[in-house]
C-alpha cells in the first residue's frame, strides 16, 4: 500500500479535493508536511474560500498527487479556467467522504484523510489530517529525469496567487521578481507542448491581473 516515498518534515505540493458547502466536488492546491506515518499538517491562510470551508465543515479530503503543473493553475484560478474544471471528472474515494480527481487527468496517487484538528491563528489556520488510505491511481508511472523546470512551474502558481491577493507593494514586487525568474526558466529551458500550453495559461492569468490594476507590463512583454 505504501508505494510512495514520503519524507517526514518535507514540504510537498498537491491538489486537495473535498466536497464544498453545496455538496459539490472541488479542489485546491496546497502545500503539506508529513508529521508522522499517520498524520499530515497543512497551513491555510484566512480570507480564502478553502479556509472558510475547513472552519465551517472540517471536510474529509483526498490529496491528489500529480506532476501536471497545468492542474495547479486550473484549480488556483478557478474563475479563469472554469471550462477546464467542467471537463475534469471526479470519482468517489475508498475510505473517506471526499471526491478524488480521476486518474486520466494526470493523477498518479491518492492520500485519503480525515480532518482531525484545526488550530486557528490571526492570519491562518493549522490543520492536522489523519491518513486513512494511500492508493495508487495507475500501476504504470513514466519517470522522467529530474528537471528544475517543473519545480519553477509550481512556484509560478504560488507567486501568481500571492501577487493576486497581496496589497502591500513591496511584497508584490518581491514576488514579481521571483515570478520573472521562474518564467525565464520555463520559457527558455522547456519547449514541450506541456510548457507551451502552461505559458499560454499564465498569459491569461497575467491579463486578468493587469485588468485588476497590477503592474505586470514587463512580465507580459515576452
N, C-alpha and C. Protein backbone atom coordinates (compact mmCIF):
# COMPACT_ATOMS: atom_id res chain seq x y z
N UNK A 1 0.83 -1.20 0.00
CA UNK A 1 0.00 0.00 0.00
C UNK A 1 0.87 1.26 0.00
N UNK A 2 1.95 1.23 0.73
CA UNK A 2 2.78 2.42 0.83
C UNK A 2 3.79 2.43 -0.31
N UNK A 3 3.29 2.77 -1.52
CA UNK A 3 4.14 2.81 -2.69
C UNK A 3 4.87 4.14 -2.79
N UNK A 4 4.52 5.11 -1.94
CA UNK A 4 5.12 6.44 -2.01
C UNK A 4 6.29 6.55 -1.05
N UNK A 5 7.28 7.32 -1.45
CA UNK A 5 8.34 7.70 -0.53
C UNK A 5 8.02 9.10 -0.05
N UNK A 6 7.55 9.21 1.18
CA UNK A 6 7.17 10.49 1.77
C UNK A 6 8.08 10.74 2.96
N UNK A 7 8.86 11.78 2.89
CA UNK A 7 9.83 12.09 3.94
C UNK A 7 9.21 13.00 4.99
N UNK A 8 9.37 12.63 6.24
CA UNK A 8 8.84 13.44 7.33
C UNK A 8 9.52 14.80 7.36
N UNK A 9 8.72 15.86 7.52
CA UNK A 9 9.26 17.21 7.62
C UNK A 9 9.50 17.90 6.29
N UNK A 10 9.24 17.24 5.18
CA UNK A 10 9.44 17.82 3.85
C UNK A 10 8.13 18.46 3.37
N UNK A 11 8.23 19.64 2.78
CA UNK A 11 7.06 20.33 2.23
C UNK A 11 6.78 19.80 0.83
N UNK A 12 5.59 19.25 0.64
CA UNK A 12 5.15 18.77 -0.67
C UNK A 12 3.99 19.63 -1.17
N UNK A 13 3.73 19.56 -2.47
CA UNK A 13 2.62 20.28 -3.08
C UNK A 13 1.69 19.28 -3.77
N UNK A 14 0.39 19.49 -3.60
CA UNK A 14 -0.58 18.58 -4.21
C UNK A 14 -1.92 19.30 -4.34
N UNK A 15 -2.88 18.62 -4.94
CA UNK A 15 -4.24 19.14 -5.07
C UNK A 15 -5.13 18.45 -4.04
N UNK A 16 -5.75 19.25 -3.20
CA UNK A 16 -6.63 18.73 -2.15
C UNK A 16 -8.07 18.82 -2.65
N UNK A 17 -8.77 17.69 -2.71
CA UNK A 17 -10.16 17.69 -3.16
C UNK A 17 -11.08 17.35 -2.00
N UNK A 18 -12.26 17.98 -2.00
CA UNK A 18 -13.25 17.78 -0.94
C UNK A 18 -14.60 18.26 -1.47
N UNK A 19 -15.66 17.95 -0.72
CA UNK A 19 -16.98 18.46 -1.06
C UNK A 19 -17.17 19.82 -0.38
N UNK A 20 -17.61 20.82 -1.17
CA UNK A 20 -17.82 22.14 -0.59
C UNK A 20 -19.16 22.21 0.14
N UNK A 21 -19.50 23.39 0.61
CA UNK A 21 -20.72 23.56 1.40
C UNK A 21 -21.98 23.22 0.62
N UNK A 22 -21.90 23.22 -0.71
CA UNK A 22 -23.05 22.90 -1.55
C UNK A 22 -23.06 21.43 -1.98
N UNK A 23 -22.12 20.65 -1.44
CA UNK A 23 -22.05 19.23 -1.79
C UNK A 23 -21.40 18.97 -3.12
N UNK A 24 -20.73 19.97 -3.69
CA UNK A 24 -20.08 19.82 -4.99
C UNK A 24 -18.60 19.52 -4.81
N UNK A 25 -18.03 18.65 -5.66
CA UNK A 25 -16.60 18.38 -5.57
C UNK A 25 -15.78 19.58 -6.03
N UNK A 26 -14.73 19.87 -5.31
CA UNK A 26 -13.84 20.96 -5.68
C UNK A 26 -12.42 20.55 -5.29
N UNK A 27 -11.45 21.31 -5.75
CA UNK A 27 -10.05 21.01 -5.41
C UNK A 27 -9.28 22.31 -5.36
N UNK A 28 -8.20 22.29 -4.61
CA UNK A 28 -7.35 23.48 -4.50
C UNK A 28 -5.91 23.05 -4.24
N UNK A 29 -4.92 23.76 -4.77
CA UNK A 29 -3.52 23.41 -4.49
C UNK A 29 -3.10 23.88 -3.11
N UNK A 30 -2.45 22.99 -2.37
CA UNK A 30 -1.95 23.32 -1.03
C UNK A 30 -0.63 22.61 -0.80
N UNK A 31 0.19 23.22 0.03
CA UNK A 31 1.40 22.55 0.50
C UNK A 31 1.09 21.76 1.76
N UNK A 32 1.79 20.63 1.95
CA UNK A 32 1.57 19.83 3.15
C UNK A 32 2.87 19.21 3.61
N UNK A 33 2.90 18.88 4.90
CA UNK A 33 4.09 18.28 5.52
C UNK A 33 3.68 17.00 6.22
N UNK A 34 4.42 15.93 6.00
CA UNK A 34 4.20 14.67 6.71
C UNK A 34 4.77 14.82 8.12
N UNK A 35 3.92 14.72 9.13
CA UNK A 35 4.40 14.86 10.51
C UNK A 35 4.66 13.52 11.17
N UNK A 36 3.98 12.46 10.67
CA UNK A 36 4.23 11.10 11.16
C UNK A 36 3.68 10.14 10.11
N UNK A 37 3.79 8.85 10.38
CA UNK A 37 3.26 7.87 9.42
C UNK A 37 1.74 7.98 9.28
N UNK A 38 1.10 8.53 10.29
CA UNK A 38 -0.37 8.59 10.28
C UNK A 38 -0.94 9.98 10.07
N UNK A 39 -0.13 11.02 10.10
CA UNK A 39 -0.72 12.35 10.08
C UNK A 39 0.03 13.32 9.18
N UNK A 40 -0.71 14.35 8.76
CA UNK A 40 -0.23 15.37 7.83
C UNK A 40 -0.63 16.74 8.37
N UNK A 41 0.23 17.72 8.24
CA UNK A 41 -0.06 19.08 8.66
C UNK A 41 -0.09 20.01 7.46
N UNK A 42 -1.00 20.98 7.48
CA UNK A 42 -1.01 22.00 6.45
C UNK A 42 -1.45 23.33 7.04
N UNK A 43 -1.04 24.40 6.38
CA UNK A 43 -1.39 25.76 6.79
C UNK A 43 -2.24 26.38 5.69
N UNK A 44 -3.38 26.95 6.09
CA UNK A 44 -4.28 27.60 5.14
C UNK A 44 -4.50 29.03 5.61
N UNK A 45 -4.26 29.98 4.72
CA UNK A 45 -4.38 31.38 5.10
C UNK A 45 -5.83 31.83 5.09
N UNK A 46 -6.15 32.70 6.03
CA UNK A 46 -7.50 33.23 6.14
C UNK A 46 -7.80 34.16 4.96
N UNK A 47 -9.09 34.29 4.68
CA UNK A 47 -9.51 35.10 3.54
C UNK A 47 -9.76 34.28 2.30
N UNK A 48 -9.37 33.01 2.33
CA UNK A 48 -9.58 32.13 1.18
C UNK A 48 -10.84 31.31 1.38
N UNK A 49 -11.46 30.89 0.28
CA UNK A 49 -12.63 30.03 0.36
C UNK A 49 -12.30 28.70 1.01
N UNK A 50 -11.07 28.22 0.77
CA UNK A 50 -10.66 26.95 1.36
C UNK A 50 -10.64 27.04 2.87
N UNK A 51 -10.12 28.14 3.41
CA UNK A 51 -10.09 28.33 4.86
C UNK A 51 -11.51 28.35 5.42
N UNK A 52 -12.40 29.06 4.75
CA UNK A 52 -13.79 29.12 5.20
C UNK A 52 -14.43 27.74 5.22
N UNK A 53 -14.15 26.94 4.20
CA UNK A 53 -14.73 25.59 4.14
C UNK A 53 -14.23 24.72 5.28
N UNK A 54 -12.94 24.81 5.59
CA UNK A 54 -12.38 23.99 6.67
C UNK A 54 -12.94 24.41 8.02
N UNK A 55 -13.06 25.72 8.24
CA UNK A 55 -13.59 26.19 9.52
C UNK A 55 -15.06 25.82 9.67
N UNK A 56 -15.80 25.85 8.58
CA UNK A 56 -17.24 25.58 8.63
C UNK A 56 -17.55 24.09 8.68
N UNK A 57 -16.84 23.30 7.88
CA UNK A 57 -17.27 21.91 7.65
C UNK A 57 -16.28 20.84 8.09
N UNK A 58 -15.01 21.20 8.36
CA UNK A 58 -13.98 20.21 8.69
C UNK A 58 -14.06 19.01 7.74
N UNK A 59 -13.91 19.23 6.43
CA UNK A 59 -14.19 18.18 5.46
C UNK A 59 -13.13 17.07 5.46
N UNK A 60 -13.57 15.87 5.09
CA UNK A 60 -12.62 14.85 4.66
C UNK A 60 -11.97 15.35 3.36
N UNK A 61 -10.74 14.92 3.12
CA UNK A 61 -10.05 15.37 1.91
C UNK A 61 -9.32 14.20 1.26
N UNK A 62 -9.08 14.36 -0.04
CA UNK A 62 -8.17 13.48 -0.75
C UNK A 62 -7.03 14.34 -1.29
N UNK A 63 -5.81 13.92 -1.01
CA UNK A 63 -4.63 14.58 -1.56
C UNK A 63 -4.31 13.89 -2.87
N UNK A 64 -4.51 14.61 -3.97
CA UNK A 64 -4.29 14.07 -5.32
C UNK A 64 -2.86 14.39 -5.74
N UNK A 65 -2.07 13.37 -5.99
CA UNK A 65 -0.66 13.54 -6.33
C UNK A 65 -0.49 13.57 -7.84
N UNK A 66 0.14 14.61 -8.33
CA UNK A 66 0.29 14.78 -9.78
C UNK A 66 1.57 15.53 -10.09
N UNK A 67 2.11 15.25 -11.28
CA UNK A 67 3.24 16.01 -11.81
C UNK A 67 2.79 16.99 -12.89
N UNK A 68 1.48 17.16 -13.06
CA UNK A 68 0.95 18.01 -14.10
C UNK A 68 0.77 19.43 -13.58
N UNK A 69 1.65 20.38 -13.93
CA UNK A 69 1.54 21.74 -13.37
C UNK A 69 0.32 22.49 -13.86
N UNK A 70 -0.25 22.08 -15.00
CA UNK A 70 -1.44 22.77 -15.51
C UNK A 70 -2.60 22.63 -14.52
N UNK A 71 -2.72 21.48 -13.86
CA UNK A 71 -3.80 21.30 -12.91
C UNK A 71 -3.70 22.29 -11.75
N UNK A 72 -2.48 22.60 -11.33
CA UNK A 72 -2.30 23.57 -10.24
C UNK A 72 -2.81 24.94 -10.65
N UNK A 73 -2.51 25.36 -11.88
CA UNK A 73 -3.01 26.64 -12.38
C UNK A 73 -4.53 26.64 -12.49
N UNK A 74 -5.07 25.56 -13.02
CA UNK A 74 -6.52 25.48 -13.23
C UNK A 74 -7.28 25.63 -11.92
N UNK A 75 -6.84 24.91 -10.88
CA UNK A 75 -7.57 24.95 -9.62
C UNK A 75 -7.19 26.14 -8.75
N UNK A 76 -6.06 26.79 -9.01
CA UNK A 76 -5.71 28.01 -8.29
C UNK A 76 -6.50 29.20 -8.80
N UNK A 77 -6.85 29.17 -10.11
CA UNK A 77 -7.58 30.28 -10.73
C UNK A 77 -8.85 29.72 -11.37
N UNK A 78 -9.76 29.27 -10.51
CA UNK A 78 -10.96 28.57 -10.97
C UNK A 78 -11.85 29.45 -11.84
N UNK A 79 -11.90 30.75 -11.55
CA UNK A 79 -12.79 31.61 -12.31
C UNK A 79 -12.31 31.79 -13.75
N UNK A 80 -11.01 31.74 -13.96
CA UNK A 80 -10.47 31.87 -15.32
C UNK A 80 -10.61 30.58 -16.09
N UNK A 81 -10.42 29.45 -15.41
CA UNK A 81 -10.39 28.14 -16.09
C UNK A 81 -11.61 27.30 -15.74
N UNK A 82 -12.76 27.94 -15.59
CA UNK A 82 -13.98 27.22 -15.20
C UNK A 82 -14.36 26.16 -16.24
N UNK A 83 -14.14 26.45 -17.51
CA UNK A 83 -14.46 25.47 -18.56
C UNK A 83 -13.58 24.24 -18.43
N UNK A 84 -12.30 24.45 -18.13
CA UNK A 84 -11.39 23.31 -17.93
C UNK A 84 -11.85 22.46 -16.75
N UNK A 85 -12.28 23.11 -15.67
CA UNK A 85 -12.72 22.37 -14.48
C UNK A 85 -13.97 21.56 -14.80
N UNK A 86 -14.86 22.11 -15.62
CA UNK A 86 -16.07 21.37 -16.00
C UNK A 86 -15.73 20.06 -16.72
N UNK A 87 -14.57 20.02 -17.35
CA UNK A 87 -14.18 18.82 -18.09
C UNK A 87 -13.35 17.83 -17.26
N UNK A 88 -13.13 18.16 -15.99
CA UNK A 88 -12.36 17.28 -15.10
C UNK A 88 -13.33 16.39 -14.32
N UNK A 89 -13.12 15.11 -14.41
CA UNK A 89 -14.01 14.14 -13.76
C UNK A 89 -13.53 13.83 -12.35
N UNK A 90 -14.46 13.78 -11.41
CA UNK A 90 -14.19 13.35 -10.04
C UNK A 90 -14.84 11.99 -9.82
N UNK A 91 -14.25 11.19 -8.94
CA UNK A 91 -14.83 9.91 -8.55
C UNK A 91 -14.83 9.82 -7.03
N UNK A 92 -15.49 8.80 -6.49
CA UNK A 92 -15.56 8.61 -5.04
C UNK A 92 -14.25 8.02 -4.52
N UNK A 93 -13.86 8.43 -3.34
CA UNK A 93 -12.70 7.82 -2.69
C UNK A 93 -13.12 6.54 -1.99
N UNK A 94 -12.16 5.80 -1.46
CA UNK A 94 -12.44 4.49 -0.90
C UNK A 94 -12.84 4.54 0.58
N UNK A 95 -12.13 5.34 1.39
CA UNK A 95 -12.28 5.26 2.84
C UNK A 95 -12.86 6.51 3.50
N UNK A 96 -12.92 7.62 2.78
CA UNK A 96 -13.41 8.86 3.37
C UNK A 96 -14.50 9.45 2.48
N UNK A 97 -15.26 10.40 3.05
CA UNK A 97 -16.31 11.05 2.28
C UNK A 97 -15.71 12.29 1.59
N UNK A 98 -15.05 12.02 0.50
CA UNK A 98 -14.43 13.09 -0.28
C UNK A 98 -14.24 12.60 -1.71
N UNK A 99 -14.32 13.51 -2.68
CA UNK A 99 -14.09 13.12 -4.06
C UNK A 99 -12.60 13.07 -4.35
N UNK A 100 -12.25 12.36 -5.40
CA UNK A 100 -10.87 12.40 -5.88
C UNK A 100 -10.89 12.68 -7.38
N UNK A 101 -9.84 13.32 -7.86
CA UNK A 101 -9.74 13.63 -9.28
C UNK A 101 -9.41 12.34 -10.02
N UNK A 102 -10.16 12.06 -11.07
CA UNK A 102 -9.97 10.81 -11.80
C UNK A 102 -8.57 10.72 -12.39
N UNK A 103 -8.01 9.52 -12.44
CA UNK A 103 -6.61 9.36 -12.85
C UNK A 103 -6.30 9.81 -14.26
N UNK A 104 -7.30 9.84 -15.17
CA UNK A 104 -7.00 10.25 -16.54
C UNK A 104 -6.60 11.72 -16.65
N UNK A 105 -6.77 12.46 -15.57
CA UNK A 105 -6.37 13.87 -15.56
C UNK A 105 -4.90 14.07 -15.20
N UNK A 106 -4.17 12.98 -15.04
CA UNK A 106 -2.75 13.09 -14.73
C UNK A 106 -2.42 12.85 -13.27
N UNK A 107 -3.31 12.16 -12.55
CA UNK A 107 -3.08 11.83 -11.14
C UNK A 107 -2.43 10.46 -11.04
N UNK A 108 -1.39 10.34 -10.23
CA UNK A 108 -0.74 9.04 -10.09
C UNK A 108 -0.93 8.41 -8.71
N UNK A 109 -1.49 9.14 -7.76
CA UNK A 109 -1.71 8.55 -6.44
C UNK A 109 -2.61 9.41 -5.58
N UNK A 110 -3.14 8.81 -4.51
CA UNK A 110 -4.07 9.49 -3.62
C UNK A 110 -3.71 9.21 -2.17
N UNK A 111 -3.89 10.21 -1.33
CA UNK A 111 -3.82 10.04 0.12
C UNK A 111 -5.17 10.50 0.68
N UNK A 112 -5.95 9.57 1.23
CA UNK A 112 -7.27 9.90 1.76
C UNK A 112 -7.14 10.23 3.25
N UNK A 113 -7.75 11.35 3.65
CA UNK A 113 -7.54 11.84 5.02
C UNK A 113 -8.83 12.35 5.64
N UNK A 114 -8.85 12.31 6.97
CA UNK A 114 -9.90 12.96 7.74
C UNK A 114 -9.30 14.16 8.49
N UNK A 115 -10.06 15.22 8.60
CA UNK A 115 -9.62 16.39 9.35
C UNK A 115 -9.71 16.09 10.83
N UNK A 116 -8.57 16.05 11.49
CA UNK A 116 -8.50 15.67 12.90
C UNK A 116 -8.59 16.88 13.82
N UNK A 117 -7.88 17.95 13.48
CA UNK A 117 -7.80 19.10 14.38
C UNK A 117 -7.55 20.37 13.57
N UNK A 118 -8.14 21.48 14.02
CA UNK A 118 -7.90 22.78 13.40
C UNK A 118 -7.53 23.77 14.51
N UNK A 119 -6.38 24.40 14.36
CA UNK A 119 -5.94 25.44 15.29
C UNK A 119 -6.00 26.78 14.56
N UNK A 120 -6.76 27.71 15.12
CA UNK A 120 -6.97 29.00 14.46
C UNK A 120 -5.98 30.03 15.00
N UNK A 121 -5.33 30.75 14.08
CA UNK A 121 -4.42 31.84 14.41
C UNK A 121 -4.90 33.12 13.75
N UNK A 122 -4.18 34.21 13.97
CA UNK A 122 -4.63 35.51 13.47
C UNK A 122 -4.77 35.52 11.95
N UNK A 123 -3.77 34.98 11.24
CA UNK A 123 -3.76 35.09 9.78
C UNK A 123 -3.95 33.75 9.07
N UNK A 124 -3.95 32.65 9.80
CA UNK A 124 -4.05 31.35 9.15
C UNK A 124 -4.62 30.32 10.12
N UNK A 125 -4.89 29.14 9.59
CA UNK A 125 -5.25 28.00 10.43
C UNK A 125 -4.24 26.88 10.17
N UNK A 126 -3.94 26.13 11.22
CA UNK A 126 -3.14 24.91 11.09
C UNK A 126 -4.08 23.71 11.15
N UNK A 127 -4.01 22.87 10.14
CA UNK A 127 -4.90 21.72 10.06
C UNK A 127 -4.08 20.44 10.20
N UNK A 128 -4.53 19.54 11.06
CA UNK A 128 -3.93 18.22 11.20
C UNK A 128 -4.86 17.19 10.58
N UNK A 129 -4.34 16.43 9.64
CA UNK A 129 -5.11 15.39 8.96
C UNK A 129 -4.63 14.02 9.41
N UNK A 130 -5.56 13.08 9.53
CA UNK A 130 -5.22 11.69 9.80
C UNK A 130 -5.32 10.89 8.51
N UNK A 131 -4.28 10.17 8.16
CA UNK A 131 -4.25 9.38 6.94
C UNK A 131 -5.09 8.12 7.12
N UNK A 132 -6.06 7.93 6.23
CA UNK A 132 -6.92 6.75 6.28
C UNK A 132 -6.57 5.73 5.20
N UNK A 133 -6.02 6.19 4.09
CA UNK A 133 -5.73 5.26 2.99
C UNK A 133 -4.76 5.92 2.02
N UNK A 134 -3.86 5.12 1.47
CA UNK A 134 -2.97 5.57 0.39
C UNK A 134 -3.17 4.62 -0.77
N UNK A 135 -3.44 5.20 -1.93
CA UNK A 135 -3.82 4.37 -3.07
C UNK A 135 -3.09 4.84 -4.32
N UNK A 136 -2.79 3.91 -5.19
CA UNK A 136 -2.15 4.23 -6.45
C UNK A 136 -3.22 4.39 -7.52
N UNK A 137 -3.04 5.38 -8.40
CA UNK A 137 -4.02 5.63 -9.46
C UNK A 137 -3.74 4.80 -10.70
N UNK A 138 -2.50 4.53 -10.94
CA UNK A 138 -2.12 3.75 -12.12
C UNK A 138 -0.92 2.89 -11.79
N UNK A 139 -0.88 1.65 -12.26
CA UNK A 139 0.27 0.80 -11.97
C UNK A 139 1.49 1.16 -12.79
N UNK A 140 1.33 2.02 -13.77
CA UNK A 140 2.45 2.37 -14.65
C UNK A 140 2.70 3.88 -14.59
N UNK A 141 3.84 4.25 -14.08
CA UNK A 141 4.22 5.67 -13.99
C UNK A 141 5.46 5.87 -14.84
N UNK A 142 5.36 6.75 -15.82
CA UNK A 142 6.51 7.06 -16.68
C UNK A 142 7.40 8.06 -15.96
N UNK A 143 8.61 7.65 -15.68
CA UNK A 143 9.55 8.51 -14.97
C UNK A 143 10.40 9.30 -15.96
N UNK A 144 10.64 10.54 -15.64
CA UNK A 144 11.45 11.43 -16.46
C UNK A 144 12.60 11.94 -15.60
N UNK A 145 13.80 12.15 -16.16
CA UNK A 145 14.89 12.69 -15.35
C UNK A 145 14.48 13.99 -14.68
N UNK A 146 15.01 14.23 -13.49
CA UNK A 146 14.65 15.41 -12.71
C UNK A 146 14.97 16.68 -13.49
N UNK A 147 14.03 17.64 -13.48
CA UNK A 147 14.24 18.93 -14.13
C UNK A 147 13.72 20.03 -13.22
N UNK A 148 14.52 21.09 -13.04
CA UNK A 148 14.07 22.19 -12.20
C UNK A 148 12.97 23.00 -12.88
N UNK A 149 12.76 22.79 -14.18
CA UNK A 149 11.67 23.48 -14.88
C UNK A 149 10.34 23.22 -14.18
N UNK A 150 10.08 21.97 -13.82
CA UNK A 150 8.79 21.63 -13.23
C UNK A 150 8.64 22.23 -11.83
N UNK A 151 9.72 22.32 -11.09
CA UNK A 151 9.66 22.99 -9.80
C UNK A 151 9.27 24.45 -9.98
N UNK A 152 9.87 25.10 -10.98
CA UNK A 152 9.54 26.51 -11.23
C UNK A 152 8.10 26.67 -11.70
N UNK A 153 7.56 25.68 -12.38
CA UNK A 153 6.18 25.77 -12.82
C UNK A 153 5.22 25.75 -11.62
N UNK A 154 5.56 25.00 -10.60
CA UNK A 154 4.75 25.02 -9.38
C UNK A 154 4.96 26.32 -8.63
N UNK A 155 6.21 26.80 -8.57
CA UNK A 155 6.48 28.08 -7.91
C UNK A 155 5.69 29.21 -8.56
N UNK A 156 5.56 29.18 -9.88
CA UNK A 156 4.81 30.22 -10.59
C UNK A 156 3.38 30.29 -10.09
N UNK A 157 2.76 29.15 -9.84
CA UNK A 157 1.39 29.13 -9.31
C UNK A 157 1.34 29.88 -7.98
N UNK A 158 2.31 29.58 -7.10
CA UNK A 158 2.35 30.23 -5.78
C UNK A 158 2.54 31.73 -5.93
N UNK A 159 3.49 32.14 -6.78
CA UNK A 159 3.76 33.57 -6.94
C UNK A 159 2.56 34.31 -7.51
N UNK A 160 1.88 33.71 -8.47
CA UNK A 160 0.72 34.36 -9.07
C UNK A 160 -0.41 34.55 -8.05
N UNK A 161 -0.64 33.55 -7.22
CA UNK A 161 -1.69 33.70 -6.20
C UNK A 161 -1.32 34.75 -5.18
N UNK A 162 -0.04 34.85 -4.82
CA UNK A 162 0.40 35.89 -3.88
C UNK A 162 0.22 37.28 -4.50
N UNK A 163 0.63 37.44 -5.75
CA UNK A 163 0.51 38.73 -6.42
C UNK A 163 -0.96 39.14 -6.53
N UNK A 164 -1.82 38.17 -6.79
CA UNK A 164 -3.24 38.47 -6.91
C UNK A 164 -3.83 38.95 -5.59
N UNK A 165 -3.43 38.35 -4.47
CA UNK A 165 -4.09 38.60 -3.20
C UNK A 165 -3.45 39.72 -2.38
N UNK A 166 -2.13 39.93 -2.51
CA UNK A 166 -1.44 40.89 -1.66
C UNK A 166 -1.67 42.32 -2.12
N UNK A 167 -1.76 43.23 -1.16
CA UNK A 167 -1.90 44.65 -1.47
C UNK A 167 -0.63 45.44 -1.15
N UNK A 168 0.23 44.87 -0.30
CA UNK A 168 1.48 45.55 0.05
C UNK A 168 2.40 45.60 -1.16
N UNK A 169 2.76 46.79 -1.60
CA UNK A 169 3.52 46.95 -2.84
C UNK A 169 4.90 46.29 -2.77
N UNK A 170 5.57 46.43 -1.63
CA UNK A 170 6.91 45.83 -1.51
C UNK A 170 6.83 44.31 -1.62
N UNK A 171 5.83 43.72 -0.98
CA UNK A 171 5.66 42.26 -1.05
C UNK A 171 5.34 41.83 -2.47
N UNK A 172 4.47 42.58 -3.14
CA UNK A 172 4.14 42.26 -4.53
C UNK A 172 5.38 42.33 -5.41
N UNK A 173 6.20 43.35 -5.20
CA UNK A 173 7.42 43.49 -6.01
C UNK A 173 8.38 42.33 -5.80
N UNK A 174 8.47 41.84 -4.56
CA UNK A 174 9.35 40.69 -4.28
C UNK A 174 8.87 39.46 -5.05
N UNK A 175 7.56 39.22 -5.02
CA UNK A 175 7.03 38.07 -5.75
C UNK A 175 7.12 38.26 -7.25
N UNK A 176 7.06 39.51 -7.71
CA UNK A 176 7.21 39.78 -9.13
C UNK A 176 8.61 39.40 -9.61
N UNK A 177 9.61 39.70 -8.81
CA UNK A 177 10.99 39.34 -9.18
C UNK A 177 11.16 37.83 -9.22
N UNK A 178 10.60 37.15 -8.23
CA UNK A 178 10.67 35.69 -8.22
C UNK A 178 9.94 35.10 -9.41
N UNK A 179 8.77 35.67 -9.71
CA UNK A 179 7.98 35.19 -10.84
C UNK A 179 8.73 35.40 -12.15
N UNK A 180 9.38 36.53 -12.28
CA UNK A 180 10.12 36.84 -13.50
C UNK A 180 11.20 35.80 -13.76
N UNK A 181 11.92 35.40 -12.70
CA UNK A 181 12.99 34.41 -12.87
C UNK A 181 12.42 33.04 -13.22
N UNK A 182 11.34 32.64 -12.53
CA UNK A 182 10.75 31.33 -12.82
C UNK A 182 10.19 31.28 -14.23
N UNK A 183 9.59 32.37 -14.69
CA UNK A 183 9.10 32.41 -16.07
C UNK A 183 10.26 32.29 -17.06
N UNK A 184 11.38 32.91 -16.73
CA UNK A 184 12.57 32.79 -17.59
C UNK A 184 13.00 31.33 -17.72
N UNK A 185 13.00 30.60 -16.62
CA UNK A 185 13.42 29.19 -16.65
C UNK A 185 12.48 28.38 -17.54
N UNK A 186 11.18 28.56 -17.37
CA UNK A 186 10.21 27.77 -18.14
C UNK A 186 10.25 28.17 -19.61
N UNK A 187 10.31 29.48 -19.89
CA UNK A 187 10.30 29.95 -21.27
C UNK A 187 11.55 29.52 -22.04
N UNK A 188 12.70 29.59 -21.38
CA UNK A 188 13.96 29.40 -22.09
C UNK A 188 14.51 27.98 -22.04
N UNK A 189 13.98 27.15 -21.15
CA UNK A 189 14.57 25.82 -20.98
C UNK A 189 13.56 24.69 -21.13
N UNK A 190 12.40 24.99 -21.70
CA UNK A 190 11.43 23.93 -21.95
C UNK A 190 10.64 24.29 -23.20
N UNK A 191 10.64 23.39 -24.19
CA UNK A 191 9.93 23.64 -25.44
C UNK A 191 8.85 22.59 -25.69
N UNK A 192 8.51 21.82 -24.66
CA UNK A 192 7.49 20.78 -24.84
C UNK A 192 6.12 21.40 -25.01
N UNK A 193 5.18 20.61 -25.51
CA UNK A 193 3.80 21.07 -25.65
C UNK A 193 3.20 21.45 -24.30
N UNK A 194 3.54 20.67 -23.26
CA UNK A 194 3.06 20.98 -21.92
C UNK A 194 3.48 22.38 -21.50
N UNK A 195 4.75 22.72 -21.71
CA UNK A 195 5.24 24.03 -21.30
C UNK A 195 4.59 25.15 -22.12
N UNK A 196 4.40 24.90 -23.40
CA UNK A 196 3.75 25.92 -24.24
C UNK A 196 2.32 26.17 -23.78
N UNK A 197 1.59 25.10 -23.49
CA UNK A 197 0.22 25.25 -23.02
C UNK A 197 0.19 25.94 -21.66
N UNK A 198 1.13 25.57 -20.82
CA UNK A 198 1.22 26.17 -19.48
C UNK A 198 1.46 27.67 -19.58
N UNK A 199 2.38 28.09 -20.43
CA UNK A 199 2.69 29.51 -20.57
C UNK A 199 1.50 30.27 -21.16
N UNK A 200 0.74 29.65 -22.04
CA UNK A 200 -0.49 30.28 -22.55
C UNK A 200 -1.47 30.53 -21.41
N UNK A 201 -1.57 29.57 -20.50
CA UNK A 201 -2.45 29.73 -19.36
C UNK A 201 -1.96 30.85 -18.44
N UNK A 202 -0.65 30.93 -18.26
CA UNK A 202 -0.07 32.00 -17.43
C UNK A 202 -0.39 33.36 -18.05
N UNK A 203 -0.32 33.46 -19.38
CA UNK A 203 -0.63 34.74 -20.03
C UNK A 203 -2.08 35.16 -19.78
N UNK A 204 -2.98 34.20 -19.72
CA UNK A 204 -4.38 34.52 -19.40
C UNK A 204 -4.50 35.09 -17.99
N UNK A 205 -3.75 34.51 -17.06
CA UNK A 205 -3.79 34.99 -15.68
C UNK A 205 -3.17 36.38 -15.58
N UNK A 206 -2.05 36.59 -16.26
CA UNK A 206 -1.40 37.90 -16.24
C UNK A 206 -2.32 38.98 -16.82
N UNK A 207 -3.07 38.63 -17.84
CA UNK A 207 -4.01 39.58 -18.43
C UNK A 207 -5.07 39.97 -17.41
N UNK A 208 -5.55 38.99 -16.64
CA UNK A 208 -6.55 39.27 -15.62
C UNK A 208 -5.96 40.15 -14.52
N UNK A 209 -4.71 39.86 -14.11
CA UNK A 209 -4.06 40.67 -13.08
C UNK A 209 -3.89 42.11 -13.56
N UNK A 210 -3.53 42.27 -14.83
CA UNK A 210 -3.40 43.61 -15.39
C UNK A 210 -4.73 44.35 -15.35
N UNK A 211 -5.79 43.66 -15.71
CA UNK A 211 -7.12 44.27 -15.69
C UNK A 211 -7.55 44.68 -14.29
N UNK A 212 -6.98 44.01 -13.28
CA UNK A 212 -7.30 44.33 -11.89
C UNK A 212 -6.31 45.34 -11.29
N UNK A 213 -5.52 45.97 -12.16
CA UNK A 213 -4.67 47.06 -11.69
C UNK A 213 -3.26 46.67 -11.29
N UNK A 214 -2.85 45.42 -11.50
CA UNK A 214 -1.49 45.01 -11.18
C UNK A 214 -0.56 45.40 -12.33
N UNK A 215 0.59 45.96 -11.98
CA UNK A 215 1.56 46.40 -12.99
C UNK A 215 2.43 45.21 -13.40
N UNK A 216 2.01 44.52 -14.44
CA UNK A 216 2.74 43.35 -14.88
C UNK A 216 3.19 43.50 -16.35
N UNK A 217 3.35 44.74 -16.79
CA UNK A 217 3.71 45.03 -18.18
C UNK A 217 5.00 44.32 -18.57
N UNK A 218 5.99 44.39 -17.71
CA UNK A 218 7.29 43.78 -18.02
C UNK A 218 7.19 42.27 -18.19
N UNK A 219 6.31 41.64 -17.40
CA UNK A 219 6.15 40.19 -17.49
C UNK A 219 5.43 39.80 -18.77
N UNK A 220 4.55 40.63 -19.25
CA UNK A 220 3.77 40.34 -20.45
C UNK A 220 4.54 40.65 -21.73
N UNK A 221 5.68 41.30 -21.61
CA UNK A 221 6.36 41.81 -22.81
C UNK A 221 7.03 40.72 -23.62
N UNK A 222 7.18 39.53 -23.05
CA UNK A 222 7.86 38.45 -23.76
C UNK A 222 6.88 37.42 -24.25
